[in-house]
């Protein structure tokens, strides 16, 4: 009888009492590295120093010179009038640069939140011409890890500064106002607050417009520069080279776009979830035509003869573990049709010239294009020993930036490509 009474008493005690519960969490998060606006905007320098290339990035070719953006650092200038003996002849120190485009001897580049432009009439001595401030207000440096960032600290810092990097920090936090109760056979806890998860954020002749690689977020059509960044498309009127003007006051939402490619009067946008097509028949008012959805993955796109070639790759920030080359019929841009998909190793940039497809995948692969259904059977070459990132085929010279250098090939005879030169990338 006494034992029964004791059990009833203890059960009533636990059922009637609530206990404060506190739990400690340890997590990692990126905190912003800040630079004052004045320091940031006065940091542009142009030198003839032959800086070593220490990382690959976006590429643009214009009138015998190749421009390589080293992500967030600046732009290397290479005299490529003789591709067998390319020479690094200068460097534009430009904090926050990722993309470039060239038109009529003017080089346009992003610098985090700003758009800047240089006169490259003398390619070896670019002259800073101007800057549009805060036209990319949501721009942030890329992450080198899978963790999220401190949003409040970042937004507060952006009020008077520019975020120029990230510092990974380990933090300890506690949950508060948590109560516990006895449920008969176990303890139950109800959170009064929670911690959000840390997710990673994911040649020859004269040109008037530069040729960009397929990884670019900049594209020029007619007299306009199109920039896709942070789910938006920005349009700049370039009719007056001295002062580009942003023409779209209303935000054009285009989704999480990674690359943009101009073909006829259409823009083809590569996204982690698909390829979107926009008409720029009216250059200042792009109209969405259609979207081809595909499995999650990073994807640049190029278009030739009404066929879009899209690479989908896996990776730390690209989504699922799928690597493919897709070929899509875009003759009717309102009803594009996927024709075929091929399994690849880890495809990245690509380009087309002289009826050949050049593809960065397990080095460099070259295919004769024709019938999409027989593309793989028509592989011409496979050059290995590098991890290709992006490329430009132009004037029978292939310029490919890879993890370990800039490779150039002569493809005058597509069946017998010849390596012309390599400028190594120094990781020191």
Foldseek 3Di string as FASTA:
>chain_A
DVVVVVVVVVQVVQAVDKDWDKDKDKDKAWEFDWDFPVCQVVVKDKDQDQDFFAFFAWWWDFDQWIWTQNAQFWIWIWRRVPVLDIGGGIIIGAGHWHFWKAFQQKIWTDRFQKIWIWRPPPVSTTHTQDMDGRNRVPGEGADPDFFYHDVVNQVVSSPGTHGRDIDMDMDMDMFGPKIWGDDPPDIDIDGPDDDDGTGGPFADDHDRIIDIWLQHQWDDDDQWIWGDDDQWIWIWGCPPVNDIHTDDPDTDGRGAFGGWEDDDQWIWTWHQFWIWIWGCPVVSDIDTQDTDGDHGFGWGWDDDPQKIWIWGFDDDRGDDHFTKIWIWRCPPVNDIGTDDIDGAAGWAIWDDDPQWIWTQGQHIWIFRDDPPVCGVVRTQDDDHDWRWHIWDQDHQKIWTQTRFWTWIWRCPPVNDIDTSDTRTHHND
